[in-house]
Amino acid sequence: MTPEKLQNDSQTLHRFIQLHCDKKHHDVPKKKGVLEVAFQEKSLCELPYHLCEECETLFIYAYGRLKNCPHEHKPSCRKCPNPCYEKSMWNKMAKVMMFSGMQLGLTKIRKLFFK
């Protein structure tokens, strides 16, 4: 995986999980933190987050899996021949991705039609 791919995928992961937490866990106490995205010991960026404990755990878990992906050309996790996610975490991530994907799609449509 390239540093650019890791940074891009980490930012996407951050955006999806933050959106999910903001919408689904709005009444749960949140904790602030910063995830440092690094490739081969070189810092690429920092991702500040404000997540509930459940979403923070998922975010850190998913970043760890992403960072340690053994594939040179990373496939989507859904199509990976050797999935590294534990089944329970995969199910949680699938729910986050479906929800946030729909929200982001609807947001784009709203911006086009309701400026």
PDB file of N, CA and C in Angstrom:
ATOM      1  N   MET A   1       0.848  -1.173   0.000  1.00  0.00           N
ATOM      2  CA  MET A   1       0.000   0.000   0.000  1.00  0.00           C
ATOM      3  C   MET A   1       0.899   1.243   0.000  1.00  0.00           C
ATOM      4  N   THR A   2       0.453   2.237  -0.698  1.00  0.00           N
ATOM      5  CA  THR A   2       1.223   3.481  -0.772  1.00  0.00           C
ATOM      6  C   THR A   2       0.829   4.396   0.390  1.00  0.00           C
ATOM      7  N   PRO A   3       1.686   5.357   0.728  1.00  0.00           N
ATOM      8  CA  PRO A   3       1.328   6.313   1.783  1.00  0.00           C
ATOM      9  C   PRO A   3       0.063   7.100   1.431  1.00  0.00           C
ATOM     10  N   GLU A   4      -0.084   7.448   0.160  1.00  0.00           N
ATOM     11  CA  GLU A   4      -1.262   8.213  -0.281  1.00  0.00           C
ATOM     12  C   GLU A   4      -2.539   7.402  -0.077  1.00  0.00           C
ATOM     13  N   LYS A   5      -2.479   6.113  -0.414  1.00  0.00           N
ATOM     14  CA  LYS A   5      -3.638   5.224  -0.254  1.00  0.00           C
ATOM     15  C   LYS A   5      -3.998   5.087   1.227  1.00  0.00           C
ATOM     16  N   LEU A   6      -2.989   4.906   2.068  1.00  0.00           N
ATOM     17  CA  LEU A   6      -3.234   4.788   3.506  1.00  0.00           C
ATOM     18  C   LEU A   6      -3.867   6.062   4.050  1.00  0.00           C
ATOM     19  N   GLN A   7      -3.343   7.204   3.660  1.00  0.00           N
ATOM     20  CA  GLN A   7      -3.890   8.471   4.137  1.00  0.00           C
ATOM     21  C   GLN A   7      -5.325   8.662   3.646  1.00  0.00           C
ATOM     22  N   ASN A   8      -5.561   8.425   2.375  1.00  0.00           N
ATOM     23  CA  ASN A   8      -6.895   8.580   1.800  1.00  0.00           C
ATOM     24  C   ASN A   8      -7.893   7.640   2.470  1.00  0.00           C
ATOM     25  N   ASP A   9      -7.532   6.365   2.603  1.00  0.00           N
ATOM     26  CA  ASP A   9      -8.443   5.385   3.213  1.00  0.00           C
ATOM     27  C   ASP A   9      -8.679   5.696   4.688  1.00  0.00           C
ATOM     28  N   SER A  10      -7.663   6.188   5.383  1.00  0.00           N
ATOM     29  CA  SER A  10      -7.816   6.554   6.794  1.00  0.00           C
ATOM     30  C   SER A  10      -8.765   7.732   6.948  1.00  0.00           C
ATOM     31  N   GLN A  11      -8.648   8.709   6.056  1.00  0.00           N
ATOM     32  CA  GLN A  11      -9.542   9.866   6.100  1.00  0.00           C
ATOM     33  C   GLN A  11     -10.984   9.460   5.788  1.00  0.00           C
ATOM     34  N   THR A  12     -11.157   8.555   4.846  1.00  0.00           N
ATOM     35  CA  THR A  12     -12.498   8.055   4.529  1.00  0.00           C
ATOM     36  C   THR A  12     -13.080   7.308   5.718  1.00  0.00           C
ATOM     37  N   LEU A  13     -12.285   6.455   6.317  1.00  0.00           N
ATOM     38  CA  LEU A  13     -12.700   5.714   7.506  1.00  0.00           C
ATOM     39  C   LEU A  13     -13.122   6.679   8.614  1.00  0.00           C
ATOM     40  N   HIS A  14     -12.310   7.699   8.840  1.00  0.00           N
ATOM     41  CA  HIS A  14     -12.606   8.712   9.851  1.00  0.00           C
ATOM     42  C   HIS A  14     -13.942   9.400   9.561  1.00  0.00           C
ATOM     43  N   ARG A  15     -14.113   9.794   8.334  1.00  0.00           N
ATOM     44  CA  ARG A  15     -15.339  10.511   7.945  1.00  0.00           C
ATOM     45  C   ARG A  15     -16.586   9.646   8.149  1.00  0.00           C
ATOM     46  N   PHE A  16     -16.501   8.385   7.755  1.00  0.00           N
ATOM     47  CA  PHE A  16     -17.642   7.483   7.872  1.00  0.00           C
ATOM     48  C   PHE A  16     -17.986   7.206   9.334  1.00  0.00           C
ATOM     49  N   ILE A  17     -16.972   6.912  10.146  1.00  0.00           N
ATOM     50  CA  ILE A  17     -17.241   6.590  11.546  1.00  0.00           C
ATOM     51  C   ILE A  17     -17.701   7.825  12.306  1.00  0.00           C
ATOM     52  N   GLN A  18     -17.113   8.985  12.037  1.00  0.00           N
ATOM     53  CA  GLN A  18     -17.530  10.210  12.722  1.00  0.00           C
ATOM     54  C   GLN A  18     -18.981  10.543  12.381  1.00  0.00           C
ATOM     55  N   LEU A  19     -19.353  10.422  11.130  1.00  0.00           N
ATOM     56  CA  LEU A  19     -20.726  10.691  10.710  1.00  0.00           C
ATOM     57  C   LEU A  19     -21.689   9.730  11.396  1.00  0.00           C
ATOM     58  N   HIS A  20     -21.355   8.449  11.402  1.00  0.00           N
ATOM     59  CA  HIS A  20     -22.203   7.441  12.042  1.00  0.00           C
ATOM     60  C   HIS A  20     -22.387   7.752  13.526  1.00  0.00           C
ATOM     61  N   CYS A  21     -21.308   8.074  14.205  1.00  0.00           N
ATOM     62  CA  CYS A  21     -21.371   8.359  15.636  1.00  0.00           C
ATOM     63  C   CYS A  21     -22.204   9.616  15.902  1.00  0.00           C
ATOM     64  N   ASP A  22     -21.982  10.657  15.103  1.00  0.00           N
ATOM     65  CA  ASP A  22     -22.734  11.904  15.281  1.00  0.00           C
ATOM     66  C   ASP A  22     -24.235  11.689  15.123  1.00  0.00           C
ATOM     67  N   LYS A  23     -24.627  10.872  14.171  1.00  0.00           N
ATOM     68  CA  LYS A  23     -26.046  10.672  13.877  1.00  0.00           C
ATOM     69  C   LYS A  23     -26.701   9.610  14.761  1.00  0.00           C
ATOM     70  N   LYS A  24     -25.996   8.508  15.004  1.00  0.00           N
ATOM     71  CA  LYS A  24     -26.593   7.371  15.728  1.00  0.00           C
ATOM     72  C   LYS A  24     -26.349   7.414  17.236  1.00  0.00           C
ATOM     73  N   HIS A  25     -25.271   8.026  17.656  1.00  0.00           N
ATOM     74  CA  HIS A  25     -24.919   8.030  19.080  1.00  0.00           C
ATOM     75  C   HIS A  25     -24.850   9.460  19.626  1.00  0.00           C
ATOM     76  N   HIS A  26     -25.742  10.309  19.156  1.00  0.00           N
ATOM     77  CA  HIS A  26     -25.710  11.726  19.535  1.00  0.00           C
ATOM     78  C   HIS A  26     -25.957  11.949  21.026  1.00  0.00           C
ATOM     79  N   ASP A  27     -26.603  10.993  21.698  1.00  0.00           N
ATOM     80  CA  ASP A  27     -26.903  11.160  23.114  1.00  0.00           C
ATOM     81  C   ASP A  27     -25.930  10.417  24.035  1.00  0.00           C
ATOM     82  N   VAL A  28     -24.870   9.855  23.469  1.00  0.00           N
ATOM     83  CA  VAL A  28     -23.869   9.113  24.238  1.00  0.00           C
ATOM     84  C   VAL A  28     -22.671  10.027  24.495  1.00  0.00           C
ATOM     85  N   PRO A  29     -22.085   9.967  25.695  1.00  0.00           N
ATOM     86  CA  PRO A  29     -20.902  10.810  25.965  1.00  0.00           C
ATOM     87  C   PRO A  29     -19.781  10.541  24.965  1.00  0.00           C
ATOM     88  N   LYS A  30     -19.142  11.607  24.536  1.00  0.00           N
ATOM     89  CA  LYS A  30     -18.077  11.516  23.532  1.00  0.00           C
ATOM     90  C   LYS A  30     -16.732  11.849  24.162  1.00  0.00           C
ATOM     91  N   LYS A  31     -15.704  11.378  23.505  1.00  0.00           N
ATOM     92  CA  LYS A  31     -14.345  11.620  23.973  1.00  0.00           C
ATOM     93  C   LYS A  31     -13.545  12.157  22.791  1.00  0.00           C
ATOM     94  N   LYS A  32     -12.734  13.167  23.043  1.00  0.00           N
ATOM     95  CA  LYS A  32     -11.894  13.733  21.989  1.00  0.00           C
ATOM     96  C   LYS A  32     -10.567  12.989  21.941  1.00  0.00           C
ATOM     97  N   GLY A  33     -10.057  12.873  20.737  1.00  0.00           N
ATOM     98  CA  GLY A  33      -8.769  12.234  20.557  1.00  0.00           C
ATOM     99  C   GLY A  33      -8.196  12.594  19.205  1.00  0.00           C
ATOM    100  N   VAL A  34      -6.983  12.152  18.971  1.00  0.00           N
ATOM    101  CA  VAL A  34      -6.315  12.388  17.691  1.00  0.00           C
ATOM    102  C   VAL A  34      -5.644  11.091  17.283  1.00  0.00           C
ATOM    103  N   LEU A  35      -5.907  10.669  16.056  1.00  0.00           N
ATOM    104  CA  LEU A  35      -5.254   9.484  15.502  1.00  0.00           C
ATOM    105  C   LEU A  35      -4.162   9.968  14.551  1.00  0.00           C
ATOM    106  N   GLU A  36      -2.937   9.551  14.809  1.00  0.00           N
ATOM    107  CA  GLU A  36      -1.839   9.910  13.920  1.00  0.00           C
ATOM    108  C   GLU A  36      -1.709   8.829  12.861  1.00  0.00           C
ATOM    109  N   VAL A  37      -1.847   9.215  11.605  1.00  0.00           N
ATOM    110  CA  VAL A  37      -1.699   8.294  10.484  1.00  0.00           C
ATOM    111  C   VAL A  37      -0.235   8.304  10.084  1.00  0.00           C
ATOM    112  N   ALA A  38       0.384   7.132  10.131  1.00  0.00           N
ATOM    113  CA  ALA A  38       1.816   7.037   9.833  1.00  0.00           C
ATOM    114  C   ALA A  38       2.073   5.873   8.882  1.00  0.00           C
ATOM    115  N   PHE A  39       3.048   6.064   8.010  1.00  0.00           N
ATOM    116  CA  PHE A  39       3.463   5.039   7.062  1.00  0.00           C
ATOM    117  C   PHE A  39       4.959   4.845   7.216  1.00  0.00           C
ATOM    118  N   GLN A  40       5.358   3.647   7.567  1.00  0.00           N
ATOM    119  CA  GLN A  40       6.777   3.326   7.788  1.00  0.00           C
ATOM    120  C   GLN A  40       7.432   4.357   8.694  1.00  0.00           C
ATOM    121  N   GLU A  41       6.818   4.583   9.832  1.00  0.00           N
ATOM    122  CA  GLU A  41       7.322   5.483  10.874  1.00  0.00           C
ATOM    123  C   GLU A  41       7.309   6.960  10.482  1.00  0.00           C
ATOM    124  N   LYS A  42       6.761   7.315   9.317  1.00  0.00           N
ATOM    125  CA  LYS A  42       6.668   8.719   8.907  1.00  0.00           C
ATOM    126  C   LYS A  42       5.226   9.187   9.065  1.00  0.00           C
ATOM    127  N   SER A  43       5.040  10.260   9.800  1.00  0.00           N
ATOM    128  CA  SER A  43       3.703  10.800  10.034  1.00  0.00           C
ATOM    129  C   SER A  43       3.152  11.407   8.743  1.00  0.00           C
ATOM    130  N   LEU A  44       1.920  11.024   8.403  1.00  0.00           N
ATOM    131  CA  LEU A  44       1.267  11.550   7.192  1.00  0.00           C
ATOM    132  C   LEU A  44       0.271  12.650   7.528  1.00  0.00           C
ATOM    133  N   CYS A  45      -0.511  12.425   8.575  1.00  0.00           N
ATOM    134  CA  CYS A  45      -1.502  13.421   8.986  1.00  0.00           C
ATOM    135  C   CYS A  45      -2.040  13.035  10.357  1.00  0.00           C
ATOM    136  N   GLU A  46      -2.788  13.940  10.929  1.00  0.00           N
ATOM    137  CA  GLU A  46      -3.474  13.673  12.187  1.00  0.00           C
ATOM    138  C   GLU A  46      -4.961  13.829  11.944  1.00  0.00           C
ATOM    139  N   LEU A  47      -5.737  12.901  12.506  1.00  0.00           N
ATOM    140  CA  LEU A  47      -7.186  12.935  12.353  1.00  0.00           C
ATOM    141  C   LEU A  47      -7.825  13.151  13.727  1.00  0.00           C
ATOM    142  N   PRO A  48      -8.256  14.387  14.016  1.00  0.00           N
ATOM    143  CA  PRO A  48      -8.929  14.623  15.295  1.00  0.00           C
ATOM    144  C   PRO A  48     -10.337  14.032  15.246  1.00  0.00           C
ATOM    145  N   TYR A  49     -10.747  13.411  16.334  1.00  0.00           N
ATOM    146  CA  TYR A  49     -12.085  12.819  16.375  1.00  0.00           C
ATOM    147  C   TYR A  49     -12.770  13.146  17.690  1.00  0.00           C
ATOM    148  N   HIS A  50     -14.081  13.002  17.677  1.00  0.00           N
ATOM    149  CA  HIS A  50     -14.931  13.221  18.845  1.00  0.00           C
ATOM    150  C   HIS A  50     -15.975  12.103  18.796  1.00  0.00           C
ATOM    151  N   LEU A  51     -15.622  10.955  19.399  1.00  0.00           N
ATOM    152  CA  LEU A  51     -16.410   9.736  19.263  1.00  0.00           C
ATOM    153  C   LEU A  51     -16.804   9.144  20.606  1.00  0.00           C
ATOM    154  N   CYS A  52     -17.867   8.368  20.593  1.00  0.00           N
ATOM    155  CA  CYS A  52     -18.217   7.591  21.775  1.00  0.00           C
ATOM    156  C   CYS A  52     -17.210   6.444  21.905  1.00  0.00           C
ATOM    157  N   GLU A  53     -17.228   5.786  23.030  1.00  0.00           N
ATOM    158  CA  GLU A  53     -16.241   4.731  23.283  1.00  0.00           C
ATOM    159  C   GLU A  53     -16.342   3.594  22.256  1.00  0.00           C
ATOM    160  N   GLU A  54     -17.561   3.200  21.906  1.00  0.00           N
ATOM    161  CA  GLU A  54     -17.759   2.114  20.937  1.00  0.00           C
ATOM    162  C   GLU A  54     -17.185   2.475  19.568  1.00  0.00           C
ATOM    163  N   CYS A  55     -17.460   3.683  19.112  1.00  0.00           N
ATOM    164  CA  CYS A  55     -16.974   4.107  17.798  1.00  0.00           C
ATOM    165  C   CYS A  55     -15.466   4.344  17.813  1.00  0.00           C
ATOM    166  N   GLU A  56     -14.934   4.838  18.923  1.00  0.00           N
ATOM    167  CA  GLU A  56     -13.491   5.025  19.024  1.00  0.00           C
ATOM    168  C   GLU A  56     -12.774   3.675  18.920  1.00  0.00           C
ATOM    169  N   THR A  57     -13.307   2.681  19.608  1.00  0.00           N
ATOM    170  CA  THR A  57     -12.724   1.338  19.551  1.00  0.00           C
ATOM    171  C   THR A  57     -12.741   0.807  18.124  1.00  0.00           C
ATOM    172  N   LEU A  58     -13.863   0.981  17.433  1.00  0.00           N
ATOM    173  CA  LEU A  58     -13.982   0.529  16.050  1.00  0.00           C
ATOM    174  C   LEU A  58     -13.011   1.295  15.143  1.00  0.00           C
ATOM    175  N   PHE A  59     -12.894   2.590  15.335  1.00  0.00           N
ATOM    176  CA  PHE A  59     -12.007   3.423  14.521  1.00  0.00           C
ATOM    177  C   PHE A  59     -10.550   2.988  14.676  1.00  0.00           C
ATOM    178  N   ILE A  60     -10.105   2.814  15.891  1.00  0.00           N
ATOM    179  CA  ILE A  60      -8.717   2.410  16.143  1.00  0.00           C
ATOM    180  C   ILE A  60      -8.467   0.997  15.627  1.00  0.00           C
ATOM    181  N   TYR A  61      -9.430   0.111  15.820  1.00  0.00           N
ATOM    182  CA  TYR A  61      -9.318  -1.266  15.319  1.00  0.00           C
ATOM    183  C   TYR A  61      -9.197  -1.264  13.792  1.00  0.00           C
ATOM    184  N   ALA A  62     -10.102  -0.531  13.135  1.00  0.00           N
ATOM    185  CA  ALA A  62     -10.124  -0.504  11.669  1.00  0.00           C
ATOM    186  C   ALA A  62      -8.848   0.124  11.106  1.00  0.00           C
ATOM    187  N   TYR A  63      -8.358   1.179  11.755  1.00  0.00           N
ATOM    188  CA  TYR A  63      -7.109   1.802  11.300  1.00  0.00           C
ATOM    189  C   TYR A  63      -5.949   0.817  11.431  1.00  0.00           C
ATOM    190  N   GLY A  64      -5.911   0.083  12.518  1.00  0.00           N
ATOM    191  CA  GLY A  64      -4.857  -0.915  12.710  1.00  0.00           C
ATOM    192  C   GLY A  64      -4.879  -1.974  11.623  1.00  0.00           C
ATOM    193  N   ARG A  65      -6.062  -2.416  11.262  1.00  0.00           N
ATOM    194  CA  ARG A  65      -6.189  -3.406  10.193  1.00  0.00           C
ATOM    195  C   ARG A  65      -5.776  -2.809   8.846  1.00  0.00           C
ATOM    196  N   LEU A  66      -6.190  -1.578   8.606  1.00  0.00           N
ATOM    197  CA  LEU A  66      -5.850  -0.899   7.360  1.00  0.00           C
ATOM    198  C   LEU A  66      -4.337  -0.711   7.239  1.00  0.00           C
ATOM    199  N   LYS A  67      -3.733  -0.233   8.301  1.00  0.00           N
ATOM    200  CA  LYS A  67      -2.298   0.039   8.305  1.00  0.00           C
ATOM    201  C   LYS A  67      -1.472  -1.233   8.086  1.00  0.00           C
ATOM    202  N   ASN A  68      -1.952  -2.345   8.594  1.00  0.00           N
ATOM    203  CA  ASN A  68      -1.209  -3.602   8.504  1.00  0.00           C
ATOM    204  C   ASN A  68      -1.679  -4.509   7.376  1.00  0.00           C
ATOM    205  N   CYS A  69      -2.435  -3.960   6.437  1.00  0.00           N
ATOM    206  CA  CYS A  69      -2.916  -4.763   5.312  1.00  0.00           C
ATOM    207  C   CYS A  69      -1.718  -5.303   4.525  1.00  0.00           C
ATOM    208  N   PRO A  70      -1.669  -6.627   4.313  1.00  0.00           N
ATOM    209  CA  PRO A  70      -0.509  -7.217   3.639  1.00  0.00           C
ATOM    210  C   PRO A  70      -0.533  -7.080   2.113  1.00  0.00           C
ATOM    211  N   HIS A  71      -1.648  -6.620   1.560  1.00  0.00           N
ATOM    212  CA  HIS A  71      -1.778  -6.547   0.109  1.00  0.00           C
ATOM    213  C   HIS A  71      -1.104  -5.299  -0.455  1.00  0.00           C
ATOM    214  N   GLU A  72      -0.328  -5.493  -1.507  1.00  0.00           N
ATOM    215  CA  GLU A  72       0.326  -4.348  -2.143  1.00  0.00           C
ATOM    216  C   GLU A  72      -0.718  -3.442  -2.795  1.00  0.00           C
ATOM    217  N   HIS A  73      -1.669  -4.053  -3.487  1.00  0.00           N
ATOM    218  CA  HIS A  73      -2.798  -3.329  -4.072  1.00  0.00           C
ATOM    219  C   HIS A  73      -4.018  -3.724  -3.266  1.00  0.00           C
ATOM    220  N   LYS A  74      -4.330  -2.912  -2.271  1.00  0.00           N
ATOM    221  CA  LYS A  74      -5.366  -3.246  -1.311  1.00  0.00           C
ATOM    222  C   LYS A  74      -6.741  -3.358  -1.975  1.00  0.00           C
ATOM    223  N   PRO A  75      -7.378  -4.537  -1.839  1.00  0.00           N
ATOM    224  CA  PRO A  75      -8.758  -4.657  -2.308  1.00  0.00           C
ATOM    225  C   PRO A  75      -9.699  -4.064  -1.255  1.00  0.00           C
ATOM    226  N   SER A  76     -10.955  -3.884  -1.608  1.00  0.00           N
ATOM    227  CA  SER A  76     -11.898  -3.474  -0.572  1.00  0.00           C
ATOM    228  C   SER A  76     -12.016  -4.638   0.409  1.00  0.00           C
ATOM    229  N   CYS A  77     -12.229  -4.316   1.665  1.00  0.00           N
ATOM    230  CA  CYS A  77     -12.280  -5.370   2.687  1.00  0.00           C
ATOM    231  C   CYS A  77     -13.379  -6.383   2.379  1.00  0.00           C
ATOM    232  N   ARG A  78     -14.448  -5.903   1.772  1.00  0.00           N
ATOM    233  CA  ARG A  78     -15.558  -6.781   1.431  1.00  0.00           C
ATOM    234  C   ARG A  78     -15.154  -7.848   0.421  1.00  0.00           C
ATOM    235  N   LYS A  79     -14.197  -7.528  -0.449  1.00  0.00           N
ATOM    236  CA  LYS A  79     -13.779  -8.458  -1.497  1.00  0.00           C
ATOM    237  C   LYS A  79     -12.429  -9.115  -1.212  1.00  0.00           C
ATOM    238  N   CYS A  80     -11.904  -8.925  -0.025  1.00  0.00           N
ATOM    239  CA  CYS A  80     -10.576  -9.431   0.317  1.00  0.00           C
ATOM    240  C   CYS A  80     -10.578 -10.967   0.393  1.00  0.00           C
ATOM    241  N   PRO A  81      -9.580 -11.609  -0.245  1.00  0.00           N
ATOM    242  CA  PRO A  81      -9.509 -13.074  -0.192  1.00  0.00           C
ATOM    243  C   PRO A  81      -9.089 -13.597   1.189  1.00  0.00           C
ATOM    244  N   ASN A  82      -8.426 -12.763   2.000  1.00  0.00           N
ATOM    245  CA  ASN A  82      -7.990 -13.150   3.345  1.00  0.00           C
ATOM    246  C   ASN A  82      -8.437 -12.101   4.357  1.00  0.00           C
ATOM    247  N   PRO A  83      -9.718 -12.074   4.719  1.00  0.00           N
ATOM    248  CA  PRO A  83     -10.191 -11.016   5.617  1.00  0.00           C
ATOM    249  C   PRO A  83      -9.487 -11.060   6.978  1.00  0.00           C
ATOM    250  N   CYS A  84      -9.113  -9.889   7.479  1.00  0.00           N
ATOM    251  CA  CYS A  84      -8.408  -9.818   8.759  1.00  0.00           C
ATOM    252  C   CYS A  84      -9.310  -9.339   9.892  1.00  0.00           C
ATOM    253  N   TYR A  85     -10.504  -8.863   9.577  1.00  0.00           N
ATOM    254  CA  TYR A  85     -11.426  -8.408  10.612  1.00  0.00           C
ATOM    255  C   TYR A  85     -12.028  -9.590  11.350  1.00  0.00           C
ATOM    256  N   GLU A  86     -12.191  -9.433  12.667  1.00  0.00           N
ATOM    257  CA  GLU A  86     -12.974 -10.401  13.428  1.00  0.00           C
ATOM    258  C   GLU A  86     -14.420 -10.236  12.968  1.00  0.00           C
ATOM    259  N   LYS A  87     -15.188 -11.299  13.003  1.00  0.00           N
ATOM    260  CA  LYS A  87     -16.555 -11.280  12.466  1.00  0.00           C
ATOM    261  C   LYS A  87     -17.412 -10.192  13.121  1.00  0.00           C
ATOM    262  N   SER A  88     -17.326 -10.053  14.438  1.00  0.00           N
ATOM    263  CA  SER A  88     -18.152  -9.051  15.124  1.00  0.00           C
ATOM    264  C   SER A  88     -17.772  -7.628  14.693  1.00  0.00           C
ATOM    265  N   MET A  89     -16.475  -7.380  14.533  1.00  0.00           N
ATOM    266  CA  MET A  89     -16.029  -6.053  14.109  1.00  0.00           C
ATOM    267  C   MET A  89     -16.391  -5.808  12.643  1.00  0.00           C
ATOM    268  N   TRP A  90     -16.321  -6.834  11.826  1.00  0.00           N
ATOM    269  CA  TRP A  90     -16.696  -6.709  10.422  1.00  0.00           C
ATOM    270  C   TRP A  90     -18.162  -6.325  10.318  1.00  0.00           C
ATOM    271  N   ASN A  91     -19.015  -6.963  11.134  1.00  0.00           N
ATOM    272  CA  ASN A  91     -20.444  -6.645  11.119  1.00  0.00           C
ATOM    273  C   ASN A  91     -20.698  -5.198  11.535  1.00  0.00           C
ATOM    274  N   LYS A  92     -19.994  -4.741  12.567  1.00  0.00           N
ATOM    275  CA  LYS A  92     -20.148  -3.346  13.001  1.00  0.00           C
ATOM    276  C   LYS A  92     -19.717  -2.387  11.891  1.00  0.00           C
ATOM    277  N   MET A  93     -18.579  -2.688  11.276  1.00  0.00           N
ATOM    278  CA  MET A  93     -18.067  -1.808  10.223  1.00  0.00           C
ATOM    279  C   MET A  93     -19.007  -1.804   9.018  1.00  0.00           C
ATOM    280  N   ALA A  94     -19.568  -2.939   8.689  1.00  0.00           N
ATOM    281  CA  ALA A  94     -20.509  -3.002   7.558  1.00  0.00           C
ATOM    282  C   ALA A  94     -21.710  -2.099   7.823  1.00  0.00           C
ATOM    283  N   LYS A  95     -22.212  -2.092   9.044  1.00  0.00           N
ATOM    284  CA  LYS A  95     -23.350  -1.227   9.392  1.00  0.00           C
ATOM    285  C   LYS A  95     -22.972   0.243   9.289  1.00  0.00           C
ATOM    286  N   VAL A  96     -21.783   0.575   9.783  1.00  0.00           N
ATOM    287  CA  VAL A  96     -21.306   1.962   9.707  1.00  0.00           C
ATOM    288  C   VAL A  96     -21.179   2.391   8.251  1.00  0.00           C
ATOM    289  N   MET A  97     -20.562   1.553   7.429  1.00  0.00           N
ATOM    290  CA  MET A  97     -20.344   1.898   6.025  1.00  0.00           C
ATOM    291  C   MET A  97     -21.660   2.053   5.269  1.00  0.00           C
ATOM    292  N   MET A  98     -22.617   1.155   5.530  1.00  0.00           N
ATOM    293  CA  MET A  98     -23.918   1.270   4.846  1.00  0.00           C
ATOM    294  C   MET A  98     -24.629   2.558   5.251  1.00  0.00           C
ATOM    295  N   PHE A  99     -24.697   2.820   6.557  1.00  0.00           N
ATOM    296  CA  PHE A  99     -25.389   4.013   7.041  1.00  0.00           C
ATOM    297  C   PHE A  99     -24.725   5.288   6.524  1.00  0.00           C
ATOM    298  N   SER A 100     -23.421   5.394   6.718  1.00  0.00           N
ATOM    299  CA  SER A 100     -22.716   6.622   6.332  1.00  0.00           C
ATOM    300  C   SER A 100     -22.688   6.813   4.819  1.00  0.00           C
ATOM    301  N   GLY A 101     -22.578   5.724   4.088  1.00  0.00           N
ATOM    302  CA  GLY A 101     -22.615   5.813   2.632  1.00  0.00           C
ATOM    303  C   GLY A 101     -23.935   6.394   2.149  1.00  0.00           C
ATOM    304  N   MET A 102     -25.004   5.942   2.769  1.00  0.00           N
ATOM    305  CA  MET A 102     -26.322   6.482   2.413  1.00  0.00           C
ATOM    306  C   MET A 102     -26.420   7.959   2.803  1.00  0.00           C
ATOM    307  N   GLN A 103     -25.937   8.286   3.981  1.00  0.00           N
ATOM    308  CA  GLN A 103     -25.989   9.677   4.436  1.00  0.00           C
ATOM    309  C   GLN A 103     -25.186  10.587   3.518  1.00  0.00           C
ATOM    310  N   LEU A 104     -24.014  10.162   3.139  1.00  0.00           N
ATOM    311  CA  LEU A 104     -23.174  10.983   2.265  1.00  0.00           C
ATOM    312  C   LEU A 104     -23.789  11.109   0.878  1.00  0.00           C
ATOM    313  N   GLY A 105     -24.411  10.054   0.400  1.00  0.00           N
ATOM    314  CA  GLY A 105     -25.092  10.117  -0.889  1.00  0.00           C
ATOM    315  C   GLY A 105     -26.263  11.071  -0.848  1.00  0.00           C
ATOM    316  N   LEU A 106     -27.034  11.011   0.234  1.00  0.00           N
ATOM    317  CA  LEU A 106     -28.172  11.908   0.373  1.00  0.00           C
ATOM    318  C   LEU A 106     -27.713  13.348   0.546  1.00  0.00           C
ATOM    319  N   THR A 107     -26.604  13.547   1.205  1.00  0.00           N
ATOM    320  CA  THR A 107     -26.069  14.892   1.381  1.00  0.00           C
ATOM    321  C   THR A 107     -25.713  15.501   0.038  1.00  0.00           C
ATOM    322  N   LYS A 108     -25.094  14.719  -0.835  1.00  0.00           N
ATOM    323  CA  LYS A 108     -24.734  15.230  -2.159  1.00  0.00           C
ATOM    324  C   LYS A 108     -25.976  15.594  -2.954  1.00  0.00           C
ATOM    325  N   ILE A 109     -27.008  14.766  -2.876  1.00  0.00           N
ATOM    326  CA  ILE A 109     -28.250  15.044  -3.594  1.00  0.00           C
ATOM    327  C   ILE A 109     -28.895  16.310  -3.044  1.00  0.00           C
ATOM    328  N   ARG A 110     -28.923  16.437  -1.709  1.00  0.00           N
ATOM    329  CA  ARG A 110     -29.503  17.642  -1.105  1.00  0.00           C
ATOM    330  C   ARG A 110     -28.781  18.892  -1.589  1.00  0.00           C
ATOM    331  N   LYS A 111     -27.450  18.837  -1.667  1.00  0.00           N
ATOM    332  CA  LYS A 111     -26.688  20.014  -2.089  1.00  0.00           C
ATOM    333  C   LYS A 111     -27.002  20.375  -3.527  1.00  0.00           C
ATOM    334  N   LEU A 112     -27.258  19.368  -4.374  1.00  0.00           N
ATOM    335  CA  LEU A 112     -27.560  19.644  -5.779  1.00  0.00           C
ATOM    336  C   LEU A 112     -28.932  20.304  -5.939  1.00  0.00           C
ATOM    337  N   PHE A 113     -29.913  19.817  -5.171  1.00  0.00           N
ATOM    338  CA  PHE A 113     -31.269  20.271  -5.376  1.00  0.00           C
ATOM    339  C   PHE A 113     -31.734  21.356  -4.415  1.00  0.00           C
ATOM    340  N   PHE A 114     -31.126  21.447  -3.250  1.00  0.00           N
ATOM    341  CA  PHE A 114     -31.603  22.397  -2.248  1.00  0.00           C
ATOM    342  C   PHE A 114     -30.484  23.343  -1.825  1.00  0.00           C
ATOM    343  N   LYS A 115     -29.963  24.096  -2.745  1.00  0.00           N
ATOM    344  CA  LYS A 115     -28.854  25.023  -2.445  1.00  0.00           C
ATOM    345  C   LYS A 115     -29.273  26.162  -1.573  1.00  0.00           C
TER     346      LYS A 115
END
